Amino acid sequence: MVRVRASLSHLPAYVPGRKMPGATVLASNESPYGLLPGVAATLAEAAGGVSRYPDLNATDLVQALAAHHGVDPERIAVGAGSSEVCGQLLHTVVGPGDEVVFGWRSFEAYPILTTVAGGTAVKVPLRDHTLDLDAMAKTITARTRLVFVCNPNNPTSTALGERDLLDFADRVPQDVLIVVDEAYREYADPALVPDALALLGDRPNVVVLRTFSKAYGLAGLRVGYCLAQPAVAAHVRKTQVPFSVSALAQRAAVVALGEGREVARRAALTVAERDRVTRRLRALGHEVPDSQSNFVWLPLADDSAGFAVHCLDGGVVVRPFLGEGVRVTIGLPEENDALLALAASWRG
């Protein structure tokens, strides 16, 4: 009988948001506005070349990202979505018995990817639905190799400010990698939530993670990247699965990156809807933390499953985390109205 790693026997599978034909899907934090204008034409043009391997080094995309962020291309490593880049970072610094610290609840892939990399996940409880950086700093030991800081945090939507991040970075030993996951950066208020690259990017042990899956509308093509110091980025590139970022994904990401004004316009629409949904849910009596992302968090605890079923019966799919809360993606106005009507009729 084939021996599998004992650490994988109890590893939970990643649970994606449900997809149901005909339903309003507010479960996966996708952009509701479809492809950016230039991307559709680019995909049609590039489709004829998919019989060939893509550029292994994603040269055009890396050059475009470097120009966009004003950094040297050697500071960039890409992957098939930020999830793969998380795995690449873990494989870069984590070995058997090493620890990875993150707040919990946070991005569902962190403990899965940590275990796959052979590390030990150390989950630090949130405080008021927000990452408790003081507790996370105190949890770091000589075995800690990496700390994930999801900002804004998925699924609770809350975010950390400049002073919190600076103080935390000062407390983390230089041999521990700090990965600031900014998948939802485009939806955050820059006056309240700092750009980690500008704030901490010069530090040798800080990596900033970004994705094209959310505000750029490329969730189905899987493009993510990190910005790190050249020595770290070089090792991260070595851990990428060869050719994992397809030619279509590379071309689409370059075009999407050039449509910053449209990305910002769409993000502003989502933020306005997010604030409207938050106000209405609070008026209905729900506790809703201030969100800096493209979703809101309902900390319904044991009522989470019941609320999700009620929404599903009404044709709206949300994302429950059993015993904790429900994450609701902000969609188009009419989709949000459907969610609000169900929230008003729910009797938990």
Protein backbone atom coordinates (compact mmCIF):
# COMPACT_ATOMS: atom_id res chain seq x y z
CA MET A 1 0.00 0.00 0.00
CA VAL A 2 1.31 3.44 -0.93
CA ARG A 3 2.34 5.53 2.06
CA VAL A 4 1.02 9.07 2.06
CA ARG A 5 2.26 11.79 4.37
CA ALA A 6 0.59 11.51 7.74
CA SER A 7 0.24 15.30 7.92
CA LEU A 8 -2.11 15.21 4.93
CA SER A 9 -4.56 12.71 6.41
CA HIS A 10 -6.51 15.41 8.25
CA LEU A 11 -5.90 18.20 5.77
CA PRO A 12 -9.20 19.86 4.84
CA ALA A 13 -9.90 20.54 1.20
CA TYR A 14 -10.21 24.14 0.09
CA VAL A 15 -13.91 25.01 -0.03
CA PRO A 16 -14.77 27.41 -2.87
CA GLY A 17 -17.90 29.49 -3.05
CA ARG A 18 -20.80 27.54 -4.53
CA LYS A 19 -21.87 28.00 -8.13
CA MET A 20 -25.53 27.42 -8.99
CA PRO A 21 -27.10 27.98 -12.40
CA GLY A 22 -29.61 30.81 -12.27
CA ALA A 23 -28.63 31.92 -8.78
CA THR A 24 -27.11 35.22 -7.75
CA VAL A 25 -23.61 34.26 -6.64
CA LEU A 26 -22.21 36.48 -3.90
CA ALA A 27 -19.78 33.92 -2.50
CA SER A 28 -16.42 34.20 -4.24
CA ASN A 29 -15.37 37.89 -4.09
CA GLU A 30 -15.32 38.17 -7.87
CA SER A 31 -15.78 41.42 -9.76
CA PRO A 32 -19.39 41.67 -11.01
CA TYR A 33 -18.49 43.83 -14.02
CA GLY A 34 -16.97 41.26 -16.35
CA LEU A 35 -13.82 41.64 -18.39
CA LEU A 36 -12.14 44.99 -18.77
CA PRO A 37 -12.76 46.52 -22.24
CA GLY A 38 -9.39 45.67 -23.75
CA VAL A 39 -9.10 42.20 -22.29
CA ALA A 40 -11.82 40.44 -24.31
CA ALA A 41 -10.25 41.47 -27.63
CA THR A 42 -6.83 40.43 -26.38
CA LEU A 43 -8.07 36.97 -25.41
CA ALA A 44 -9.68 36.43 -28.80
CA GLU A 45 -6.49 37.48 -30.53
CA ALA A 46 -4.21 35.34 -28.35
CA ALA A 47 -6.36 32.20 -28.29
CA GLY A 48 -4.84 30.87 -31.49
CA GLY A 49 -1.45 30.52 -29.82
CA VAL A 50 -2.43 28.27 -26.92
CA SER A 51 -1.04 25.18 -28.65
CA ARG A 52 2.37 26.55 -27.70
CA TYR A 53 3.91 26.83 -24.26
CA PRO A 54 3.72 30.26 -22.64
CA ASP A 55 6.76 32.34 -21.81
CA LEU A 56 8.20 30.56 -18.78
CA ASN A 57 9.51 33.83 -17.34
CA ALA A 58 6.39 35.89 -18.12
CA THR A 59 8.77 38.54 -19.42
CA ASP A 60 6.25 41.06 -20.74
CA LEU A 61 4.11 40.78 -17.62
CA VAL A 62 7.06 41.18 -15.27
CA GLN A 63 8.26 44.21 -17.21
CA ALA A 64 4.79 45.75 -17.09
CA LEU A 65 4.50 45.12 -13.35
CA ALA A 66 7.94 46.59 -12.73
CA ALA A 67 7.01 49.75 -14.63
CA HIS A 68 3.65 49.94 -12.86
CA HIS A 69 5.20 49.77 -9.39
CA GLY A 70 8.43 51.58 -10.20
CA VAL A 71 10.66 48.69 -9.12
CA ASP A 72 13.37 46.54 -10.67
CA PRO A 73 11.98 43.47 -12.50
CA GLU A 74 14.22 41.30 -10.33
CA ARG A 75 11.94 42.10 -7.40
CA ILE A 76 8.92 40.40 -8.98
CA ALA A 77 7.82 36.76 -9.00
CA VAL A 78 4.55 35.61 -10.56
CA GLY A 79 2.30 32.60 -10.19
CA ALA A 80 -1.10 31.17 -11.04
CA GLY A 81 -3.03 33.46 -8.73
CA SER A 82 -1.87 34.75 -5.37
CA SER A 83 -2.68 31.33 -3.90
CA GLU A 84 0.13 29.74 -5.88
CA VAL A 85 2.48 32.56 -4.96
CA CYS A 86 1.64 31.93 -1.29
CA GLY A 87 2.72 28.33 -1.85
CA GLN A 88 5.89 29.44 -3.62
CA LEU A 89 6.80 31.67 -0.67
CA LEU A 90 6.18 28.85 1.78
CA HIS A 91 8.33 26.42 -0.19
CA THR A 92 11.04 29.08 -0.27
CA VAL A 93 11.49 29.36 3.51
CA VAL A 94 9.55 26.59 5.26
CA GLY A 95 10.82 23.09 6.01
CA PRO A 96 9.57 20.21 8.19
CA GLY A 97 8.76 21.44 11.68
CA ASP A 98 8.97 25.12 10.81
CA GLU A 99 6.11 27.34 11.91
CA VAL A 100 3.91 29.72 9.93
CA VAL A 101 1.94 32.31 11.89
CA PHE A 102 -1.29 33.98 10.75
CA GLY A 103 -4.49 35.35 12.20
CA TRP A 104 -7.54 33.14 12.28
CA ARG A 105 -9.90 33.31 10.73
CA SER A 106 -8.08 34.53 7.65
CA PHE A 107 -7.55 33.31 4.09
CA GLU A 108 -8.64 29.68 4.02
CA ALA A 109 -5.66 28.55 1.94
CA TYR A 110 -3.02 29.56 4.49
CA PRO A 111 -3.25 26.44 6.73
CA ILE A 112 -3.68 24.15 3.72
CA LEU A 113 -0.65 25.49 1.87
CA THR A 114 1.39 25.51 5.07
CA THR A 115 0.73 21.82 5.67
CA VAL A 116 1.47 20.93 2.05
CA ALA A 117 4.82 22.72 2.40
CA GLY A 118 5.62 20.61 5.46
CA GLY A 119 5.21 23.41 7.98
CA THR A 120 3.13 23.81 11.12
CA ALA A 121 0.29 26.33 11.06
CA VAL A 122 0.01 28.59 14.11
CA LYS A 123 -3.39 30.25 14.19
CA VAL A 124 -3.75 33.39 16.29
CA PRO A 125 -7.32 34.42 17.20
CA LEU A 126 -8.63 37.71 15.85
CA ARG A 127 -9.61 40.60 18.07
CA ASP A 128 -12.82 42.42 17.10
CA HIS A 129 -12.75 40.64 13.72
CA THR A 130 -9.30 42.16 13.05
CA LEU A 131 -5.82 40.67 12.99
CA ASP A 132 -4.28 40.90 16.48
CA LEU A 133 -0.74 41.89 15.53
CA ASP A 134 0.39 42.14 19.15
CA ALA A 135 -0.64 38.54 19.79
CA MET A 136 0.86 37.44 16.48
CA ALA A 137 4.21 39.03 17.36
CA LYS A 138 4.21 37.30 20.75
CA THR A 139 3.52 33.96 19.03
CA ILE A 140 6.71 34.09 16.95
CA THR A 141 9.36 31.62 18.13
CA ALA A 142 12.76 30.45 16.96
CA ARG A 143 10.91 27.99 14.70
CA THR A 144 8.84 30.66 12.92
CA ARG A 145 9.83 31.18 9.31
CA LEU A 146 6.91 33.15 7.82
CA VAL A 147 4.02 35.33 8.95
CA PHE A 148 0.98 36.03 6.76
CA VAL A 149 -0.69 39.42 7.26
CA CYS A 150 -3.86 39.55 5.17
CA ASN A 151 -4.73 43.24 4.82
CA PRO A 152 -7.63 43.76 4.30
CA ASN A 153 -8.41 40.45 5.95
CA ASN A 154 -10.40 37.76 4.19
CA PRO A 155 -13.12 36.88 5.23
CA THR A 156 -13.72 39.49 7.95
CA SER A 157 -13.12 42.54 5.66
CA THR A 158 -11.29 44.57 8.31
CA ALA A 159 -7.92 46.24 7.80
CA LEU A 160 -4.86 47.49 9.67
CA GLY A 161 -3.46 51.00 9.62
CA GLU A 162 0.04 52.36 9.07
CA ARG A 163 1.18 52.51 12.70
CA ASP A 164 -0.01 48.95 13.39
CA LEU A 165 1.95 47.57 10.44
CA LEU A 166 5.11 49.57 11.20
CA ASP A 167 5.14 48.54 14.86
CA PHE A 168 4.60 44.92 13.92
CA ALA A 169 7.34 44.90 11.30
CA ASP A 170 9.73 46.38 13.86
CA ARG A 171 8.98 43.51 16.27
CA VAL A 172 9.41 40.65 13.81
CA PRO A 173 12.96 39.18 13.65
CA GLN A 174 14.82 39.88 10.41
CA ASP A 175 15.06 36.17 9.59
CA VAL A 176 11.26 35.78 9.55
CA LEU A 177 9.50 36.58 6.28
CA ILE A 178 6.51 38.93 6.59
CA VAL A 179 4.06 38.39 3.73
CA VAL A 180 1.51 41.21 3.46
CA ASP A 181 -1.32 39.82 1.36
CA GLU A 182 -3.04 42.74 -0.38
CA ALA A 183 -5.46 40.85 -2.63
CA TYR A 184 -8.15 43.49 -1.94
CA ARG A 185 -5.93 46.55 -2.02
CA GLU A 186 -7.95 48.33 -4.75
CA TYR A 187 -11.05 48.48 -2.51
CA ALA A 188 -9.31 49.94 0.54
CA ASP A 189 -9.35 53.61 1.52
CA PRO A 190 -5.73 54.76 1.07
CA ALA A 191 -6.20 57.29 3.87
CA LEU A 192 -6.86 54.44 6.30
CA VAL A 193 -5.03 51.45 4.82
CA PRO A 194 -1.43 51.95 3.72
CA ASP A 195 0.17 50.52 0.60
CA ALA A 196 2.53 47.96 2.11
CA LEU A 197 4.98 48.28 -0.76
CA ALA A 198 5.43 51.99 -0.12
CA LEU A 199 5.42 51.54 3.65
CA LEU A 200 7.58 48.44 4.11
CA GLY A 201 8.90 47.49 0.68
CA ASP A 202 12.49 48.48 1.44
CA ARG A 203 12.78 45.93 4.25
CA PRO A 204 14.63 42.72 3.33
CA ASN A 205 12.16 40.44 5.11
CA VAL A 206 8.92 41.96 3.72
CA VAL A 207 7.04 40.59 0.72
CA VAL A 208 3.91 42.20 -0.71
CA LEU A 209 1.39 39.97 -2.45
CA ARG A 210 -1.10 41.13 -5.11
CA THR A 211 -3.56 39.49 -7.52
CA PHE A 212 -5.45 40.11 -10.76
CA SER A 213 -8.38 37.96 -9.57
CA LYS A 214 -10.40 40.66 -7.82
CA ALA A 215 -10.51 44.27 -9.03
CA TYR A 216 -8.88 43.37 -12.37
CA GLY A 217 -11.57 40.79 -13.14
CA LEU A 218 -9.29 37.88 -14.11
CA ALA A 219 -10.28 35.31 -11.48
CA GLY A 220 -10.65 32.57 -14.10
CA LEU A 221 -7.22 33.13 -15.64
CA ARG A 222 -5.16 32.91 -12.43
CA VAL A 223 -2.48 35.57 -12.23
CA GLY A 224 -0.84 36.70 -9.01
CA TYR A 225 2.52 38.11 -8.07
CA CYS A 226 4.72 39.23 -5.22
CA LEU A 227 7.16 42.09 -4.77
CA ALA A 228 10.20 41.20 -2.69
CA GLN A 229 13.88 41.95 -2.42
CA PRO A 230 15.77 40.42 -5.40
CA ALA A 231 17.40 37.61 -3.39
CA VAL A 232 14.03 36.45 -2.07
CA ALA A 233 12.21 36.85 -5.39
CA ALA A 234 14.87 34.76 -7.15
CA HIS A 235 14.15 31.82 -4.86
CA VAL A 236 10.39 32.31 -5.15
CA ARG A 237 10.68 32.03 -8.93
CA LYS A 238 12.46 28.68 -8.53
CA THR A 239 9.47 27.22 -6.68
CA GLN A 240 6.88 28.10 -9.33
CA VAL A 241 5.31 25.24 -11.23
CA PRO A 242 6.76 25.60 -14.77
CA PHE A 243 4.38 27.32 -17.22
CA SER A 244 1.67 27.71 -14.55
CA VAL A 245 0.71 31.18 -15.81
CA SER A 246 -0.79 30.62 -19.23
CA ALA A 247 -0.09 32.74 -22.30
CA LEU A 248 -3.67 34.00 -22.23
CA ALA A 249 -3.34 34.97 -18.58
CA GLN A 250 -0.08 36.81 -19.21
CA ARG A 251 -1.47 38.79 -22.14
CA ALA A 252 -4.70 39.61 -20.34
CA ALA A 253 -2.89 40.77 -17.21
CA VAL A 254 -0.65 43.14 -19.18
CA VAL A 255 -3.69 44.70 -20.85
CA ALA A 256 -5.65 44.87 -17.58
CA LEU A 257 -2.74 46.56 -15.85
CA GLY A 258 -2.93 49.33 -18.43
CA GLU A 259 -6.61 50.00 -17.69
CA GLY A 260 -6.05 51.48 -14.26
CA ARG A 261 -8.63 54.23 -14.62
CA GLU A 262 -11.39 51.75 -15.43
CA VAL A 263 -10.28 49.48 -12.60
CA ALA A 264 -10.48 52.42 -10.20
CA ARG A 265 -13.91 53.42 -11.53
CA ARG A 266 -15.29 49.93 -11.02
CA ALA A 267 -13.73 49.65 -7.58
CA ALA A 268 -15.39 52.94 -6.61
CA LEU A 269 -18.77 51.55 -7.70
CA THR A 270 -18.22 48.49 -5.54
CA VAL A 271 -17.17 50.61 -2.56
CA ALA A 272 -20.31 52.75 -2.87
CA GLU A 273 -22.47 49.62 -2.97
CA ARG A 274 -20.53 48.09 -0.09
CA ASP A 275 -21.25 51.12 2.07
CA ARG A 276 -24.93 51.06 1.10
CA VAL A 277 -25.25 47.37 1.92
CA THR A 278 -23.44 47.89 5.24
CA ARG A 279 -25.79 50.70 6.28
CA ARG A 280 -28.88 48.68 5.40
CA LEU A 281 -27.69 45.53 7.17
CA ARG A 282 -26.91 47.53 10.29
CA ALA A 283 -30.36 49.13 10.11
CA LEU A 284 -31.76 45.59 10.09
CA GLY A 285 -29.93 44.91 13.34
CA HIS A 286 -26.89 43.06 12.03
CA GLU A 287 -23.41 43.62 13.38
CA VAL A 288 -21.24 44.44 10.37
CA PRO A 289 -17.59 45.45 10.82
CA ASP A 290 -16.27 48.34 8.73
CA SER A 291 -15.16 46.78 5.45
CA GLN A 292 -12.14 47.75 3.36
CA SER A 293 -12.70 45.07 0.74
CA ASN A 294 -15.30 44.02 -1.84
CA PHE A 295 -17.33 42.00 0.65
CA VAL A 296 -18.93 42.37 4.06
CA TRP A 297 -18.79 40.07 7.08
CA LEU A 298 -21.76 39.00 9.16
CA PRO A 299 -20.49 37.42 12.42
CA LEU A 300 -23.54 35.23 12.90
CA ALA A 301 -21.76 32.45 14.82
CA ASP A 302 -24.10 29.44 15.12
CA ASP A 303 -26.69 31.13 12.89
CA SER A 304 -24.31 31.23 9.93
CA ALA A 305 -25.51 28.00 8.34
CA GLY A 306 -29.16 28.94 8.75
CA PHE A 307 -28.66 32.35 7.15
CA ALA A 308 -26.81 30.79 4.21
CA VAL A 309 -29.59 28.25 3.66
CA HIS A 310 -32.20 31.01 3.84
CA CYS A 311 -30.32 32.97 1.19
CA LEU A 312 -29.89 29.88 -0.98
CA ASP A 313 -33.62 29.19 -0.81
CA GLY A 314 -34.09 32.73 -2.09
CA GLY A 315 -31.69 32.25 -4.99
CA VAL A 316 -28.65 33.99 -3.52
CA VAL A 317 -25.42 32.13 -2.77
CA VAL A 318 -23.30 33.49 0.09
CA ARG A 319 -20.22 32.01 1.79
CA PRO A 320 -20.79 30.61 5.30
CA PHE A 321 -18.00 29.76 7.72
CA LEU A 322 -19.84 27.44 10.06
CA GLY A 323 -19.98 28.59 13.65
CA GLU A 324 -18.29 31.89 12.79
CA GLY A 325 -19.93 34.06 10.18
CA VAL A 326 -21.04 34.68 6.61
CA ARG A 327 -19.08 36.50 3.94
CA VAL A 328 -21.15 38.33 1.34
CA THR A 329 -19.53 39.59 -1.85
CA ILE A 330 -20.71 42.95 -3.14
CA GLY A 331 -22.32 42.48 -6.55
CA LEU A 332 -24.37 44.63 -8.87
CA PRO A 333 -27.03 46.86 -7.23
CA GLU A 334 -29.88 44.52 -8.12
CA GLU A 335 -27.95 41.53 -6.76
CA ASN A 336 -27.28 43.38 -3.54
CA ASP A 337 -30.95 44.32 -3.31
CA ALA A 338 -31.86 40.62 -3.51
CA LEU A 339 -29.48 39.89 -0.63
CA LEU A 340 -30.88 42.74 1.45
CA ALA A 341 -34.45 41.56 0.91
CA LEU A 342 -33.48 38.11 2.18
CA ALA A 343 -31.68 39.61 5.16
CA ALA A 344 -34.83 41.57 6.00
CA SER A 345 -37.02 38.45 5.85
CA TRP A 346 -34.66 36.20 7.81
CA ARG A 347 -35.67 35.20 11.30
CA GLY A 348 -32.65 33.66 12.95
